[in-house]
Amino acid sequence: MSRALQIFFMVFVLLVTLSRTTAAAENPFIIGTLSSSIAAADVDQLLKLAEYEHSKPWIIEVQAITPEADSAWIARLYMIPNTQGHRVRRGVILECSGKVIEASKPGRNWTAPSKPGNYAQVAPGGAEFGETLSRPPPLEMPFQIKTQLADDELISLISFIRGRAHKAPNPGGSGKVPAGPTPTTTGLERIVLVDEGSGFIRVWTEDTLSSGLVYSVSKGEKGWVLSGLHKWTKHPPSKSK
């Protein structure tokens, strides 16, 4: 194959891949408990906020903080991935807040954080990602990441959380995590945030927008070790700061 033909083929493959990714983002997947309630004007506002980051949403997830009608809504905008390996995707996330303008008028006023966050998505088991951006099931949703972990470390961490049942080695909690009964878990909760504490990694899972579990883990000689498992009952740390 000539050099010119090789270059043509490489450019063709690149253009096809980009066109597929763009097509997937023209109509982002709108999910969440309020996905059927959000107005078209709200979606337009969120798309404009995404434009400020020079990106397009892949997923828009909409939830309310509390059940009250005038409660602030949260919209997590997961942008098209910036990078994609066989098992890990990474990209930008905006967690926007929507507040009622007037009770008698539909729609909300949406604001974005001053600084976007970063997300990662890990393919389940030994699966690998394809070229098409589809709507992921809850356990395969992207999650915000606020710590430096290489792809192989992230894969092993998520496999550790998902691969077994866990029981807290010590009951109670500390810091921002309230004390309470010793929780047990199957490891099959939705992960929303991976960050770090003092000498350990924290994996935050979510049952609702205002409750879930936080795993505290560290890397030992034989792999990840669970050092704490606690229940949180308030909104977890801001995922956009």
Protein backbone atom coordinates (compact mmCIF):
# COMPACT_ATOMS: atom_id res chain seq x y z
CA MET A 1 0.00 0.00 0.00
CA SER A 2 1.43 3.39 -1.01
CA ARG A 3 2.15 6.09 1.59
CA ALA A 4 -0.54 8.37 0.10
CA LEU A 5 -3.13 5.59 0.28
CA GLN A 6 -2.18 4.84 3.90
CA ILE A 7 -2.67 8.51 4.85
CA PHE A 8 -6.02 8.61 3.04
CA PHE A 9 -7.19 5.50 4.88
CA MET A 10 -6.12 6.91 8.29
CA VAL A 11 -7.93 10.20 7.63
CA PHE A 12 -11.04 8.33 6.49
CA VAL A 13 -11.13 6.23 9.67
CA LEU A 14 -10.65 9.35 11.81
CA LEU A 15 -13.50 11.20 10.07
CA VAL A 16 -15.85 8.24 10.45
CA THR A 17 -15.05 7.97 14.17
CA LEU A 18 -15.57 11.70 14.73
CA SER A 19 -18.85 11.69 12.81
CA ARG A 20 -20.17 8.85 14.94
CA THR A 21 -19.21 10.62 18.16
CA THR A 22 -20.73 13.91 16.99
CA ALA A 23 -23.94 12.19 15.92
CA ALA A 24 -24.24 10.59 19.35
CA ALA A 25 -24.02 14.01 21.01
CA GLU A 26 -26.44 15.92 18.76
CA ASN A 27 -29.26 14.59 20.92
CA PRO A 28 -27.85 13.91 24.41
CA PHE A 29 -29.47 11.22 26.51
CA ILE A 30 -31.68 12.88 29.17
CA ILE A 31 -32.01 10.68 32.22
CA GLY A 32 -32.75 10.93 35.93
CA THR A 33 -35.85 11.18 38.08
CA LEU A 34 -36.90 14.43 36.40
CA SER A 35 -36.04 13.48 32.82
CA SER A 36 -39.71 13.56 31.82
CA SER A 37 -40.38 16.84 33.65
CA ILE A 38 -37.62 19.10 32.38
CA ALA A 39 -38.80 21.71 29.86
CA ALA A 40 -37.30 22.20 26.42
CA ALA A 41 -36.25 25.72 27.47
CA ASP A 42 -34.29 24.22 30.36
CA VAL A 43 -32.48 21.85 28.02
CA ASP A 44 -31.63 24.77 25.72
CA GLN A 45 -30.10 26.65 28.66
CA LEU A 46 -28.02 23.63 29.63
CA LEU A 47 -26.77 23.18 26.08
CA LYS A 48 -25.69 26.83 26.03
CA LEU A 49 -23.82 26.37 29.31
CA ALA A 50 -22.07 23.40 27.73
CA GLU A 51 -21.05 25.56 24.77
CA TYR A 52 -19.07 27.79 27.13
CA GLU A 53 -16.87 24.74 27.78
CA HIS A 54 -16.55 24.21 24.02
CA SER A 55 -18.11 20.80 24.29
CA LYS A 56 -21.37 18.94 23.81
CA PRO A 57 -23.20 16.81 26.37
CA TRP A 58 -23.35 13.07 25.97
CA ILE A 59 -25.68 12.62 28.99
CA ILE A 60 -27.84 15.12 30.90
CA GLU A 61 -28.98 13.72 34.25
CA VAL A 62 -31.66 15.72 36.07
CA GLN A 63 -32.68 15.29 39.72
CA ALA A 64 -34.23 17.34 42.54
CA ILE A 65 -32.44 17.87 45.84
CA THR A 66 -35.69 17.67 47.83
CA PRO A 67 -39.28 16.70 46.86
CA GLU A 68 -40.67 20.26 47.22
CA ALA A 69 -41.90 21.84 43.97
CA ASP A 70 -39.62 24.87 44.39
CA SER A 71 -36.57 22.78 45.24
CA ALA A 72 -33.38 23.42 43.31
CA TRP A 73 -32.75 20.92 40.57
CA ILE A 74 -29.37 19.42 39.78
CA ALA A 75 -28.33 18.64 36.21
CA ARG A 76 -25.13 16.68 35.67
CA LEU A 77 -23.80 17.23 32.16
CA TYR A 78 -21.38 14.51 31.08
CA MET A 79 -19.62 15.79 27.97
CA ILE A 80 -18.39 13.70 25.05
CA PRO A 81 -15.26 11.85 26.30
CA ASN A 82 -11.94 13.56 25.70
CA THR A 83 -10.07 10.27 25.79
CA GLN A 84 -11.10 6.65 25.40
CA GLY A 85 -9.10 3.52 26.04
CA HIS A 86 -10.32 -0.04 25.77
CA ARG A 87 -11.91 0.06 29.25
CA VAL A 88 -11.73 3.67 30.50
CA ARG A 89 -13.28 6.87 29.16
CA ARG A 90 -12.51 10.30 30.60
CA GLY A 91 -14.12 13.68 30.05
CA VAL A 92 -15.58 16.85 31.56
CA ILE A 93 -18.62 17.08 33.83
CA LEU A 94 -20.66 20.17 34.71
CA GLU A 95 -22.98 19.99 37.72
CA CYS A 96 -25.49 22.78 37.10
CA SER A 97 -28.11 24.14 39.48
CA GLY A 98 -31.59 25.19 38.35
CA LYS A 99 -33.80 27.39 40.52
CA VAL A 100 -37.40 28.50 40.02
CA ILE A 101 -37.68 32.01 38.59
CA GLU A 102 -41.37 32.54 39.32
CA ALA A 103 -43.77 29.95 40.70
CA SER A 104 -46.34 30.85 38.03
CA LYS A 105 -43.90 30.43 35.14
CA PRO A 106 -42.42 27.20 33.75
CA GLY A 107 -38.71 26.74 33.45
CA ARG A 108 -35.76 27.52 35.70
CA ASN A 109 -32.69 29.69 35.78
CA TRP A 110 -29.64 27.46 35.34
CA THR A 111 -26.12 28.28 36.50
CA ALA A 112 -22.89 26.35 35.99
CA PRO A 113 -19.97 25.98 38.41
CA SER A 114 -17.04 28.33 38.02
CA LYS A 115 -14.82 25.36 37.22
CA PRO A 116 -15.86 22.10 35.52
CA GLY A 117 -14.97 18.73 36.97
CA ASN A 118 -13.60 15.55 35.44
CA TYR A 119 -15.31 12.21 35.07
CA ALA A 120 -14.27 8.66 34.28
CA GLN A 121 -16.23 5.66 33.08
CA VAL A 122 -15.03 2.09 33.50
CA ALA A 123 -16.31 -0.76 31.35
CA PRO A 124 -17.74 -3.63 33.43
CA GLY A 125 -15.91 -6.91 33.90
CA GLY A 126 -13.64 -7.73 31.01
CA ALA A 127 -15.77 -5.78 28.52
CA GLU A 128 -14.35 -3.10 26.25
CA PHE A 129 -15.95 0.07 24.91
CA GLY A 130 -17.09 0.27 21.31
CA GLU A 131 -17.06 3.34 19.09
CA THR A 132 -20.68 4.35 19.73
CA LEU A 133 -21.69 6.41 22.75
CA SER A 134 -24.82 4.74 24.08
CA ARG A 135 -26.97 5.29 27.14
CA PRO A 136 -25.24 3.39 29.97
CA PRO A 137 -27.17 1.47 32.66
CA PRO A 138 -26.92 2.88 36.22
CA LEU A 139 -23.99 0.73 37.32
CA GLU A 140 -21.98 1.73 34.26
CA MET A 141 -22.61 5.47 34.50
CA PRO A 142 -19.62 7.85 34.49
CA PHE A 143 -18.56 9.25 37.87
CA GLN A 144 -16.65 12.33 38.89
CA ILE A 145 -13.02 11.75 39.76
CA LYS A 146 -10.98 14.10 41.94
CA THR A 147 -7.78 12.14 42.41
CA GLN A 148 -4.93 11.01 40.20
CA LEU A 149 -5.34 7.35 39.28
CA ALA A 150 -3.94 5.72 36.16
CA ASP A 151 -6.35 3.69 34.04
CA ASP A 152 -5.14 0.33 35.35
CA GLU A 153 -5.43 1.53 38.97
CA LEU A 154 -8.94 2.83 38.33
CA ILE A 155 -10.01 -0.44 36.71
CA SER A 156 -8.67 -2.47 39.64
CA LEU A 157 -10.34 -0.13 42.16
CA ILE A 158 -13.78 -0.40 40.55
CA SER A 159 -13.34 -4.16 40.19
CA PHE A 160 -12.54 -4.35 43.92
CA ILE A 161 -15.71 -2.43 44.84
CA ARG A 162 -17.91 -4.35 42.40
CA GLY A 163 -16.44 -7.81 42.85
CA ARG A 164 -17.60 -8.74 46.35
CA ALA A 165 -19.85 -7.99 49.30
CA HIS A 166 -18.35 -5.60 51.85
CA LYS A 167 -18.84 -4.99 55.55
CA ALA A 168 -17.44 -2.04 57.44
CA PRO A 169 -14.35 -3.09 59.46
CA ASN A 170 -15.17 -0.40 62.05
CA PRO A 171 -18.65 0.98 62.80
CA GLY A 172 -19.35 4.67 62.92
CA GLY A 173 -17.78 7.48 60.99
CA SER A 174 -15.66 10.57 61.19
CA GLY A 175 -15.29 13.94 59.56
CA LYS A 176 -18.18 14.74 57.23
CA VAL A 177 -19.51 11.17 57.34
CA PRO A 178 -22.03 10.72 60.20
CA ALA A 179 -21.71 7.86 62.66
CA GLY A 180 -24.33 5.14 62.50
CA PRO A 181 -24.96 1.40 62.25
CA THR A 182 -22.30 -0.69 60.57
CA PRO A 183 -23.35 -0.89 56.92
CA THR A 184 -22.98 -3.90 54.68
CA THR A 185 -23.15 -3.82 50.91
CA THR A 186 -23.08 -5.99 47.81
CA GLY A 187 -20.81 -3.52 46.04
CA LEU A 188 -23.47 -2.98 43.39
CA GLU A 189 -24.42 0.61 44.14
CA ARG A 190 -24.00 3.38 41.62
CA ILE A 191 -20.65 5.17 41.96
CA VAL A 192 -20.85 8.97 41.68
CA LEU A 193 -17.48 10.20 42.96
CA VAL A 194 -13.94 8.98 43.55
CA ASP A 195 -11.74 11.32 45.60
CA GLU A 196 -9.06 11.08 48.26
CA GLY A 197 -8.78 11.50 52.00
CA SER A 198 -5.68 11.52 54.16
CA GLY A 199 -3.75 8.51 52.92
CA PHE A 200 -6.68 6.70 51.33
CA ILE A 201 -9.06 6.77 48.39
CA ARG A 202 -12.81 7.33 48.88
CA VAL A 203 -15.46 5.87 46.60
CA TRP A 204 -18.84 7.54 47.02
CA THR A 205 -21.97 5.67 45.96
CA GLU A 206 -25.49 7.02 45.73
CA ASP A 207 -28.89 5.51 46.54
CA THR A 208 -30.66 8.84 46.08
CA LEU A 209 -29.36 12.37 45.56
CA SER A 210 -29.08 12.73 49.35
CA SER A 211 -27.94 9.32 50.61
CA GLY A 212 -25.49 6.54 49.88
CA LEU A 213 -22.28 4.89 51.06
CA VAL A 214 -18.64 5.93 51.08
CA TYR A 215 -15.87 3.32 50.89
CA SER A 216 -12.43 4.21 52.24
CA VAL A 217 -9.75 2.05 50.64
CA SER A 218 -5.98 1.94 50.43
CA LYS A 219 -3.50 0.03 48.28
CA GLY A 220 -1.77 -2.84 50.08
CA GLU A 221 0.85 -5.33 48.93
CA LYS A 222 -1.86 -7.68 47.66
CA GLY A 223 -4.17 -5.03 46.24
CA TRP A 224 -6.91 -2.78 47.56
CA VAL A 225 -7.93 -3.00 51.22
CA LEU A 226 -11.16 -1.69 52.73
CA SER A 227 -10.43 0.47 55.76
CA GLY A 228 -13.88 2.03 56.26
CA LEU A 229 -17.45 1.82 55.03
CA HIS A 230 -19.93 4.48 56.14
CA LYS A 231 -23.35 5.78 55.22
CA TRP A 232 -23.81 9.43 54.31
CA THR A 233 -27.19 11.11 54.50
CA LYS A 234 -26.53 14.55 53.06
CA HIS A 235 -25.47 15.73 49.63
CA PRO A 236 -21.90 14.48 49.05
CA PRO A 237 -19.03 16.91 48.46
CA SER A 238 -19.51 19.18 45.47
CA LYS A 239 -18.55 17.27 42.35
CA SER A 240 -17.62 20.38 40.42
CA LYS A 241 -15.19 22.27 42.62
